[in-house]
């Protein structure tokens, strides 16, 4: 995953659905329990942050060619 990737949230406890990766914490990529991907969410629910740090296992890259 890299900056600019369009992603969908797959984590059941997170209310955000679509977003774009805006930052990758390179040092955190080596930690399997880290959340190295900062995602800017589109239309975040009221009261939720516009961005969050996420793990790769919670995100699915959307193929823009679909």
N, C-alpha and C. Protein backbone atom coordinates (compact mmCIF):
# COMPACT_ATOMS: atom_id res chain seq x y z
N UNK A 1 0.85 -1.17 0.00
CA UNK A 1 0.00 0.00 0.00
C UNK A 1 0.89 1.23 0.00
N UNK A 2 0.37 2.29 -0.62
CA UNK A 2 1.15 3.51 -0.71
C UNK A 2 0.25 4.74 -0.69
N UNK A 3 0.87 5.89 -0.50
CA UNK A 3 0.13 7.15 -0.49
C UNK A 3 -0.62 7.28 -1.82
N UNK A 4 -1.88 7.66 -1.72
CA UNK A 4 -2.72 7.84 -2.89
C UNK A 4 -3.62 6.67 -3.21
N UNK A 5 -3.40 5.52 -2.55
CA UNK A 5 -4.27 4.36 -2.78
C UNK A 5 -5.67 4.62 -2.21
N UNK A 6 -6.69 4.30 -2.99
CA UNK A 6 -8.07 4.36 -2.55
C UNK A 6 -8.36 3.07 -1.81
N UNK A 7 -8.86 3.17 -0.58
CA UNK A 7 -9.07 1.99 0.25
C UNK A 7 -10.48 1.93 0.82
N UNK A 8 -10.87 0.72 1.13
CA UNK A 8 -12.15 0.45 1.79
C UNK A 8 -11.83 -0.16 3.14
N UNK A 9 -12.56 0.24 4.17
CA UNK A 9 -12.36 -0.30 5.50
C UNK A 9 -13.06 -1.64 5.64
N UNK A 10 -12.37 -2.63 6.18
CA UNK A 10 -12.94 -3.96 6.41
C UNK A 10 -13.07 -4.27 7.89
N UNK A 11 -12.74 -3.33 8.76
CA UNK A 11 -12.77 -3.56 10.20
C UNK A 11 -14.19 -3.33 10.71
N UNK A 12 -14.78 -4.33 11.33
CA UNK A 12 -16.18 -4.29 11.73
C UNK A 12 -16.50 -3.20 12.75
N UNK A 13 -15.54 -2.80 13.56
CA UNK A 13 -15.82 -1.82 14.60
C UNK A 13 -15.60 -0.38 14.16
N UNK A 14 -15.11 -0.18 12.96
CA UNK A 14 -14.85 1.16 12.45
C UNK A 14 -16.01 1.56 11.54
N UNK A 15 -16.53 2.75 11.71
CA UNK A 15 -17.70 3.19 10.95
C UNK A 15 -17.35 3.84 9.62
N UNK A 16 -16.09 4.09 9.35
CA UNK A 16 -15.69 4.70 8.09
C UNK A 16 -15.64 3.64 7.00
N UNK A 17 -15.86 4.05 5.77
CA UNK A 17 -15.89 3.05 4.71
C UNK A 17 -14.88 3.30 3.60
N UNK A 18 -14.87 4.46 2.99
CA UNK A 18 -13.94 4.74 1.90
C UNK A 18 -13.01 5.88 2.25
N UNK A 19 -11.75 5.73 1.84
CA UNK A 19 -10.78 6.77 2.11
C UNK A 19 -9.57 6.64 1.22
N UNK A 20 -8.60 7.51 1.44
CA UNK A 20 -7.37 7.52 0.66
C UNK A 20 -6.20 7.57 1.63
N UNK A 21 -5.17 6.79 1.33
CA UNK A 21 -3.98 6.78 2.18
C UNK A 21 -3.23 8.09 1.96
N UNK A 22 -2.98 8.82 3.06
CA UNK A 22 -2.31 10.11 2.96
C UNK A 22 -0.90 10.10 3.55
N UNK A 23 -0.58 9.05 4.30
CA UNK A 23 0.76 8.96 4.91
C UNK A 23 1.05 7.51 5.25
N UNK A 24 2.33 7.14 5.12
CA UNK A 24 2.77 5.80 5.52
C UNK A 24 3.94 5.99 6.48
N UNK A 25 3.83 5.41 7.66
CA UNK A 25 4.90 5.48 8.65
C UNK A 25 5.88 4.34 8.37
N UNK A 26 6.96 4.65 7.68
CA UNK A 26 7.94 3.62 7.28
C UNK A 26 8.48 2.82 8.46
N UNK A 27 8.82 3.44 9.61
CA UNK A 27 9.32 2.65 10.73
C UNK A 27 8.31 1.62 11.24
N UNK A 28 7.03 1.91 11.12
CA UNK A 28 5.99 1.00 11.62
C UNK A 28 5.73 -0.18 10.69
N UNK A 29 6.22 -0.12 9.46
CA UNK A 29 5.99 -1.22 8.52
C UNK A 29 6.62 -2.53 8.97
N UNK A 30 7.64 -2.48 9.81
CA UNK A 30 8.31 -3.69 10.28
C UNK A 30 7.63 -4.30 11.51
N UNK A 31 6.70 -3.59 12.10
CA UNK A 31 5.99 -4.06 13.29
C UNK A 31 4.66 -4.69 12.84
N UNK A 32 4.49 -6.00 13.02
CA UNK A 32 3.27 -6.66 12.54
C UNK A 32 1.99 -6.22 13.27
N UNK A 33 2.14 -5.58 14.43
CA UNK A 33 0.97 -5.14 15.19
C UNK A 33 0.70 -3.64 15.05
N UNK A 34 1.44 -2.98 14.20
CA UNK A 34 1.32 -1.53 14.05
C UNK A 34 0.21 -1.15 13.08
N UNK A 35 -0.09 0.12 13.07
CA UNK A 35 -1.04 0.71 12.11
C UNK A 35 -0.31 1.80 11.34
N UNK A 36 0.45 1.42 10.32
CA UNK A 36 1.31 2.38 9.63
C UNK A 36 0.65 3.23 8.55
N UNK A 37 -0.63 3.01 8.28
CA UNK A 37 -1.30 3.70 7.19
C UNK A 37 -2.29 4.74 7.72
N UNK A 38 -2.01 6.01 7.41
CA UNK A 38 -2.92 7.09 7.81
C UNK A 38 -3.90 7.29 6.66
N UNK A 39 -5.17 7.12 6.96
CA UNK A 39 -6.21 7.21 5.93
C UNK A 39 -7.09 8.42 6.19
N UNK A 40 -7.31 9.21 5.15
CA UNK A 40 -8.26 10.33 5.19
C UNK A 40 -9.58 9.79 4.69
N UNK A 41 -10.59 9.80 5.55
CA UNK A 41 -11.88 9.20 5.21
C UNK A 41 -12.78 10.20 4.51
N UNK A 42 -13.50 9.72 3.50
CA UNK A 42 -14.51 10.52 2.82
C UNK A 42 -15.80 10.40 3.62
N UNK A 43 -16.47 11.49 3.86
CA UNK A 43 -17.76 11.48 4.56
C UNK A 43 -17.72 10.71 5.88
N UNK A 44 -16.76 11.06 6.72
CA UNK A 44 -16.68 10.41 8.04
C UNK A 44 -17.98 10.69 8.81
N UNK A 45 -18.49 9.69 9.55
CA UNK A 45 -19.72 9.90 10.32
C UNK A 45 -19.56 11.05 11.32
N UNK A 46 -20.65 11.71 11.65
CA UNK A 46 -20.63 12.81 12.61
C UNK A 46 -20.00 12.33 13.91
N UNK A 47 -19.05 13.11 14.40
CA UNK A 47 -18.39 12.77 15.66
C UNK A 47 -17.15 11.91 15.50
N UNK A 48 -16.90 11.41 14.29
CA UNK A 48 -15.71 10.60 14.03
C UNK A 48 -14.63 11.46 13.39
N UNK A 49 -13.40 11.08 13.60
CA UNK A 49 -12.28 11.81 13.01
C UNK A 49 -12.28 11.66 11.49
N UNK A 50 -11.74 12.68 10.81
CA UNK A 50 -11.63 12.63 9.35
C UNK A 50 -10.53 11.69 8.89
N UNK A 51 -9.63 11.32 9.80
CA UNK A 51 -8.54 10.41 9.45
C UNK A 51 -8.29 9.45 10.60
N UNK A 52 -7.60 8.35 10.30
CA UNK A 52 -7.20 7.40 11.35
C UNK A 52 -6.01 6.59 10.84
N UNK A 53 -5.26 6.04 11.79
CA UNK A 53 -4.15 5.14 11.47
C UNK A 53 -4.70 3.73 11.44
N UNK A 54 -4.33 2.96 10.41
CA UNK A 54 -4.90 1.64 10.21
C UNK A 54 -3.85 0.60 9.87
N UNK A 55 -4.20 -0.63 10.14
CA UNK A 55 -3.39 -1.79 9.78
C UNK A 55 -3.76 -2.24 8.37
N UNK A 56 -2.82 -2.87 7.70
CA UNK A 56 -3.08 -3.39 6.36
C UNK A 56 -4.20 -4.43 6.37
N UNK A 57 -4.31 -5.18 7.46
CA UNK A 57 -5.34 -6.22 7.51
C UNK A 57 -6.75 -5.66 7.65
N UNK A 58 -6.87 -4.35 7.93
CA UNK A 58 -8.19 -3.72 8.03
C UNK A 58 -8.60 -3.02 6.75
N UNK A 59 -7.68 -2.96 5.78
CA UNK A 59 -7.93 -2.18 4.57
C UNK A 59 -7.91 -3.05 3.32
N UNK A 60 -8.71 -2.67 2.35
CA UNK A 60 -8.73 -3.32 1.04
C UNK A 60 -8.50 -2.23 0.00
N UNK A 61 -7.50 -2.42 -0.86
CA UNK A 61 -7.26 -1.47 -1.93
C UNK A 61 -8.33 -1.65 -2.99
N UNK A 62 -8.96 -0.55 -3.39
CA UNK A 62 -9.96 -0.60 -4.44
C UNK A 62 -9.27 -0.40 -5.78
N UNK A 63 -9.58 -1.23 -6.72
CA UNK A 63 -9.00 -1.15 -8.06
C UNK A 63 -9.75 -0.07 -8.83
N UNK A 64 -9.04 0.98 -9.21
CA UNK A 64 -9.66 2.11 -9.89
C UNK A 64 -10.12 1.75 -11.30
N UNK A 65 -9.69 0.62 -11.83
CA UNK A 65 -10.07 0.27 -13.20
C UNK A 65 -11.41 -0.44 -13.26
N UNK A 66 -12.02 -0.73 -12.10
CA UNK A 66 -13.33 -1.41 -12.09
C UNK A 66 -14.42 -0.48 -12.50
